[in-house]
Amino acid sequence: MDAKPTAICTACNRVLNEGRSVTYDLLFDLYFCDDACWSDWYAENWAEYRRKWTEEVDL
């Protein structure tokens, strides 16, 4: 029985088959081969992360 493709790596477009470990980004619902692919993607998309996770507040 062959492993079924279940996702695509957002950073490198590699097919991610069922039964393997991957890095999942819960905020954007994205899959990555590993932490290295996630880091590469994050380096280019940090502003979007910051926009979603930080805000200015009055104390």
PDB file of N, CA and C in Angstrom:
ATOM      1  N   MET A   1       0.840  -1.174   0.000  1.00  0.00           N
ATOM      2  CA  MET A   1       0.000   0.000   0.000  1.00  0.00           C
ATOM      3  C   MET A   1       0.891   1.245   0.000  1.00  0.00           C
ATOM      4  N   ASP A   2       0.709   2.132  -0.949  1.00  0.00           N
ATOM      5  CA  ASP A   2       1.504   3.350  -1.067  1.00  0.00           C
ATOM      6  C   ASP A   2       0.962   4.442  -0.159  1.00  0.00           C
ATOM      7  N   ALA A   3       1.876   5.304   0.304  1.00  0.00           N
ATOM      8  CA  ALA A   3       1.470   6.451   1.112  1.00  0.00           C
ATOM      9  C   ALA A   3       0.723   7.438   0.215  1.00  0.00           C
ATOM     10  N   LYS A   4      -0.313   8.021   0.767  1.00  0.00           N
ATOM     11  CA  LYS A   4      -1.127   8.960  -0.003  1.00  0.00           C
ATOM     12  C   LYS A   4      -0.627  10.386   0.210  1.00  0.00           C
ATOM     13  N   PRO A   5      -0.559  11.175  -0.870  1.00  0.00           N
ATOM     14  CA  PRO A   5      -0.202  12.583  -0.710  1.00  0.00           C
ATOM     15  C   PRO A   5      -1.327  13.300   0.042  1.00  0.00           C
ATOM     16  N   THR A   6      -0.974  14.012   1.109  1.00  0.00           N
ATOM     17  CA  THR A   6      -1.998  14.680   1.899  1.00  0.00           C
ATOM     18  C   THR A   6      -1.831  16.184   1.955  1.00  0.00           C
ATOM     19  N   ALA A   7      -0.642  16.697   1.614  1.00  0.00           N
ATOM     20  CA  ALA A   7      -0.404  18.138   1.650  1.00  0.00           C
ATOM     21  C   ALA A   7       0.775  18.469   0.742  1.00  0.00           C
ATOM     22  N   ILE A   8       0.979  19.758   0.538  1.00  0.00           N
ATOM     23  CA  ILE A   8       2.094  20.276  -0.247  1.00  0.00           C
ATOM     24  C   ILE A   8       2.862  21.256   0.632  1.00  0.00           C
ATOM     25  N   CYS A   9       4.179  21.157   0.633  1.00  0.00           N
ATOM     26  CA  CYS A   9       5.002  22.099   1.392  1.00  0.00           C
ATOM     27  C   CYS A   9       4.818  23.500   0.801  1.00  0.00           C
ATOM     28  N   THR A  10       4.475  24.441   1.637  1.00  0.00           N
ATOM     29  CA  THR A  10       4.248  25.815   1.194  1.00  0.00           C
ATOM     30  C   THR A  10       5.513  26.464   0.671  1.00  0.00           C
ATOM     31  N   ALA A  11       6.654  26.118   1.233  1.00  0.00           N
ATOM     32  CA  ALA A  11       7.918  26.764   0.854  1.00  0.00           C
ATOM     33  C   ALA A  11       8.532  26.192  -0.417  1.00  0.00           C
ATOM     34  N   CYS A  12       8.545  24.852  -0.554  1.00  0.00           N
ATOM     35  CA  CYS A  12       9.265  24.248  -1.681  1.00  0.00           C
ATOM     36  C   CYS A  12       8.367  23.427  -2.615  1.00  0.00           C
ATOM     37  N   ASN A  13       7.078  23.366  -2.336  1.00  0.00           N
ATOM     38  CA  ASN A  13       6.090  22.642  -3.156  1.00  0.00           C
ATOM     39  C   ASN A  13       6.302  21.131  -3.201  1.00  0.00           C
ATOM     40  N   ARG A  14       7.024  20.582  -2.250  1.00  0.00           N
ATOM     41  CA  ARG A  14       7.229  19.131  -2.178  1.00  0.00           C
ATOM     42  C   ARG A  14       5.941  18.452  -1.722  1.00  0.00           C
ATOM     43  N   VAL A  15       5.629  17.316  -2.303  1.00  0.00           N
ATOM     44  CA  VAL A  15       4.461  16.542  -1.897  1.00  0.00           C
ATOM     45  C   VAL A  15       4.754  15.897  -0.544  1.00  0.00           C
ATOM     46  N   LEU A  16       3.853  16.089   0.403  1.00  0.00           N
ATOM     47  CA  LEU A  16       4.004  15.535   1.747  1.00  0.00           C
ATOM     48  C   LEU A  16       3.045  14.365   1.889  1.00  0.00           C
ATOM     49  N   ASN A  17       3.608  13.182   1.979  1.00  0.00           N
ATOM     50  CA  ASN A  17       2.808  11.965   2.027  1.00  0.00           C
ATOM     51  C   ASN A  17       2.328  11.647   3.434  1.00  0.00           C
ATOM     52  N   GLU A  18       1.231  10.928   3.491  1.00  0.00           N
ATOM     53  CA  GLU A  18       0.676  10.442   4.742  1.00  0.00           C
ATOM     54  C   GLU A  18       1.705   9.587   5.475  1.00  0.00           C
ATOM     55  N   GLY A  19       1.743   9.696   6.796  1.00  0.00           N
ATOM     56  CA  GLY A  19       2.629   8.858   7.585  1.00  0.00           C
ATOM     57  C   GLY A  19       3.976   9.478   7.922  1.00  0.00           C
ATOM     58  N   ARG A  20       4.223  10.714   7.525  1.00  0.00           N
ATOM     59  CA  ARG A  20       5.488  11.359   7.853  1.00  0.00           C
ATOM     60  C   ARG A  20       5.238  12.556   8.766  1.00  0.00           C
ATOM     61  N   SER A  21       6.264  13.008   9.430  1.00  0.00           N
ATOM     62  CA  SER A  21       6.165  14.186  10.290  1.00  0.00           C
ATOM     63  C   SER A  21       6.468  15.433   9.474  1.00  0.00           C
ATOM     64  N   VAL A  22       5.701  16.471   9.697  1.00  0.00           N
ATOM     65  CA  VAL A  22       5.899  17.748   9.014  1.00  0.00           C
ATOM     66  C   VAL A  22       5.718  18.871  10.025  1.00  0.00           C
ATOM     67  N   THR A  23       6.085  20.072   9.638  1.00  0.00           N
ATOM     68  CA  THR A  23       5.845  21.259  10.458  1.00  0.00           C
ATOM     69  C   THR A  23       4.546  21.888   9.984  1.00  0.00           C
ATOM     70  N   TYR A  24       3.621  22.107  10.913  1.00  0.00           N
ATOM     71  CA  TYR A  24       2.313  22.674  10.578  1.00  0.00           C
ATOM     72  C   TYR A  24       2.182  24.054  11.211  1.00  0.00           C
ATOM     73  N   ASP A  25       1.788  25.022  10.424  1.00  0.00           N
ATOM     74  CA  ASP A  25       1.574  26.382  10.893  1.00  0.00           C
ATOM     75  C   ASP A  25       0.091  26.563  11.174  1.00  0.00           C
ATOM     76  N   LEU A  26      -0.254  26.566  12.444  1.00  0.00           N
ATOM     77  CA  LEU A  26      -1.647  26.645  12.862  1.00  0.00           C
ATOM     78  C   LEU A  26      -2.281  27.988  12.526  1.00  0.00           C
ATOM     79  N   LEU A  27      -1.521  29.074  12.590  1.00  0.00           N
ATOM     80  CA  LEU A  27      -2.055  30.401  12.315  1.00  0.00           C
ATOM     81  C   LEU A  27      -2.543  30.528  10.873  1.00  0.00           C
ATOM     82  N   PHE A  28      -1.729  30.075   9.918  1.00  0.00           N
ATOM     83  CA  PHE A  28      -2.066  30.222   8.499  1.00  0.00           C
ATOM     84  C   PHE A  28      -2.549  28.935   7.852  1.00  0.00           C
ATOM     85  N   ASP A  29      -2.620  27.832   8.611  1.00  0.00           N
ATOM     86  CA  ASP A  29      -3.048  26.538   8.089  1.00  0.00           C
ATOM     87  C   ASP A  29      -2.171  26.106   6.908  1.00  0.00           C
ATOM     88  N   LEU A  30      -0.854  26.097   7.148  1.00  0.00           N
ATOM     89  CA  LEU A  30       0.115  25.744   6.112  1.00  0.00           C
ATOM     90  C   LEU A  30       0.986  24.588   6.586  1.00  0.00           C
ATOM     91  N   TYR A  31       1.478  23.804   5.637  1.00  0.00           N
ATOM     92  CA  TYR A  31       2.349  22.666   5.922  1.00  0.00           C
ATOM     93  C   TYR A  31       3.733  22.923   5.337  1.00  0.00           C
ATOM     94  N   PHE A  32       4.774  22.444   6.050  1.00  0.00           N
ATOM     95  CA  PHE A  32       6.159  22.587   5.614  1.00  0.00           C
ATOM     96  C   PHE A  32       6.885  21.266   5.824  1.00  0.00           C
ATOM     97  N   CYS A  33       7.860  20.958   4.951  1.00  0.00           N
ATOM     98  CA  CYS A  33       8.647  19.723   5.057  1.00  0.00           C
ATOM     99  C   CYS A  33       9.266  19.579   6.436  1.00  0.00           C
ATOM    100  N   ASP A  34       9.828  20.674   6.922  1.00  0.00           N
ATOM    101  CA  ASP A  34      10.554  20.663   8.196  1.00  0.00           C
ATOM    102  C   ASP A  34      10.721  22.099   8.675  1.00  0.00           C
ATOM    103  N   ASP A  35      11.435  22.259   9.762  1.00  0.00           N
ATOM    104  CA  ASP A  35      11.637  23.602  10.316  1.00  0.00           C
ATOM    105  C   ASP A  35      12.434  24.512   9.380  1.00  0.00           C
ATOM    106  N   ALA A  36      13.323  23.938   8.594  1.00  0.00           N
ATOM    107  CA  ALA A  36      14.117  24.744   7.667  1.00  0.00           C
ATOM    108  C   ALA A  36      13.229  25.401   6.609  1.00  0.00           C
ATOM    109  N   CYS A  37      12.299  24.637   6.053  1.00  0.00           N
ATOM    110  CA  CYS A  37      11.368  25.207   5.066  1.00  0.00           C
ATOM    111  C   CYS A  37      10.490  26.267   5.724  1.00  0.00           C
ATOM    112  N   TRP A  38      10.039  25.991   6.950  1.00  0.00           N
ATOM    113  CA  TRP A  38       9.226  26.977   7.656  1.00  0.00           C
ATOM    114  C   TRP A  38      10.022  28.254   7.895  1.00  0.00           C
ATOM    115  N   SER A  39      11.275  28.127   8.306  1.00  0.00           N
ATOM    116  CA  SER A  39      12.123  29.294   8.564  1.00  0.00           C
ATOM    117  C   SER A  39      12.322  30.121   7.305  1.00  0.00           C
ATOM    118  N   ASP A  40      12.540  29.459   6.176  1.00  0.00           N
ATOM    119  CA  ASP A  40      12.696  30.172   4.902  1.00  0.00           C
ATOM    120  C   ASP A  40      11.434  30.948   4.559  1.00  0.00           C
ATOM    121  N   TRP A  41      10.282  30.312   4.727  1.00  0.00           N
ATOM    122  CA  TRP A  41       9.011  30.957   4.431  1.00  0.00           C
ATOM    123  C   TRP A  41       8.767  32.124   5.388  1.00  0.00           C
ATOM    124  N   TYR A  42       9.042  31.900   6.681  1.00  0.00           N
ATOM    125  CA  TYR A  42       8.822  32.932   7.687  1.00  0.00           C
ATOM    126  C   TYR A  42       9.682  34.158   7.428  1.00  0.00           C
ATOM    127  N   ALA A  43      10.926  33.956   6.991  1.00  0.00           N
ATOM    128  CA  ALA A  43      11.827  35.082   6.718  1.00  0.00           C
ATOM    129  C   ALA A  43      11.223  36.037   5.697  1.00  0.00           C
ATOM    130  N   GLU A  44      10.438  35.515   4.777  1.00  0.00           N
ATOM    131  CA  GLU A  44       9.809  36.338   3.750  1.00  0.00           C
ATOM    132  C   GLU A  44       8.429  36.843   4.164  1.00  0.00           C
ATOM    133  N   ASN A  45       7.835  36.275   5.222  1.00  0.00           N
ATOM    134  CA  ASN A  45       6.463  36.606   5.594  1.00  0.00           C
ATOM    135  C   ASN A  45       6.310  37.078   7.038  1.00  0.00           C
ATOM    136  N   TRP A  46       7.401  37.530   7.671  1.00  0.00           N
ATOM    137  CA  TRP A  46       7.341  37.919   9.071  1.00  0.00           C
ATOM    138  C   TRP A  46       6.410  39.099   9.307  1.00  0.00           C
ATOM    139  N   ALA A  47       6.293  39.993   8.344  1.00  0.00           N
ATOM    140  CA  ALA A  47       5.425  41.170   8.533  1.00  0.00           C
ATOM    141  C   ALA A  47       3.970  40.754   8.699  1.00  0.00           C
ATOM    142  N   GLU A  48       3.535  39.757   7.955  1.00  0.00           N
ATOM    143  CA  GLU A  48       2.160  39.255   8.084  1.00  0.00           C
ATOM    144  C   GLU A  48       1.957  38.615   9.454  1.00  0.00           C
ATOM    145  N   TYR A  49       2.936  37.870   9.930  1.00  0.00           N
ATOM    146  CA  TYR A  49       2.856  37.293  11.268  1.00  0.00           C
ATOM    147  C   TYR A  49       2.725  38.390  12.312  1.00  0.00           C
ATOM    148  N   ARG A  50       3.590  39.383  12.179  1.00  0.00           N
ATOM    149  CA  ARG A  50       3.559  40.480  13.144  1.00  0.00           C
ATOM    150  C   ARG A  50       2.209  41.176  13.134  1.00  0.00           C
ATOM    151  N   ARG A  51       1.667  41.413  11.955  1.00  0.00           N
ATOM    152  CA  ARG A  51       0.371  42.083  11.834  1.00  0.00           C
ATOM    153  C   ARG A  51      -0.723  41.289  12.539  1.00  0.00           C
ATOM    154  N   LYS A  52      -0.686  39.983  12.442  1.00  0.00           N
ATOM    155  CA  LYS A  52      -1.730  39.148  13.039  1.00  0.00           C
ATOM    156  C   LYS A  52      -1.546  38.931  14.538  1.00  0.00           C
ATOM    157  N   TRP A  53      -0.304  39.041  15.017  1.00  0.00           N
ATOM    158  CA  TRP A  53      -0.039  38.673  16.410  1.00  0.00           C
ATOM    159  C   TRP A  53       0.341  39.817  17.326  1.00  0.00           C
ATOM    160  N   THR A  54       0.505  41.027  16.806  1.00  0.00           N
ATOM    161  CA  THR A  54       0.851  42.151  17.669  1.00  0.00           C
ATOM    162  C   THR A  54      -0.120  43.296  17.443  1.00  0.00           C
ATOM    163  N   GLU A  55      -0.259  44.108  18.457  1.00  0.00           N
ATOM    164  CA  GLU A  55      -1.107  45.283  18.354  1.00  0.00           C
ATOM    165  C   GLU A  55      -0.627  46.321  19.345  1.00  0.00           C
ATOM    166  N   GLU A  56      -0.971  47.548  19.079  1.00  0.00           N
ATOM    167  CA  GLU A  56      -0.637  48.629  20.003  1.00  0.00           C
ATOM    168  C   GLU A  56      -1.751  48.747  21.015  1.00  0.00           C
ATOM    169  N   VAL A  57      -1.377  48.859  22.294  1.00  0.00           N
ATOM    170  CA  VAL A  57      -2.385  48.958  23.363  1.00  0.00           C
ATOM    171  C   VAL A  57      -2.024  50.097  24.303  1.00  0.00           C
ATOM    172  N   ASP A  58      -3.028  50.631  24.962  1.00  0.00           N
ATOM    173  CA  ASP A  58      -2.816  51.652  25.989  1.00  0.00           C
ATOM    174  C   ASP A  58      -2.718  50.980  27.339  1.00  0.00           C
ATOM    175  N   LEU A  59      -1.758  51.397  28.130  1.00  0.00           N
ATOM    176  CA  LEU A  59      -1.595  50.846  29.465  1.00  0.00           C
ATOM    177  C   LEU A  59      -2.210  51.757  30.507  1.00  0.00           C
TER     178      LEU A  59
END
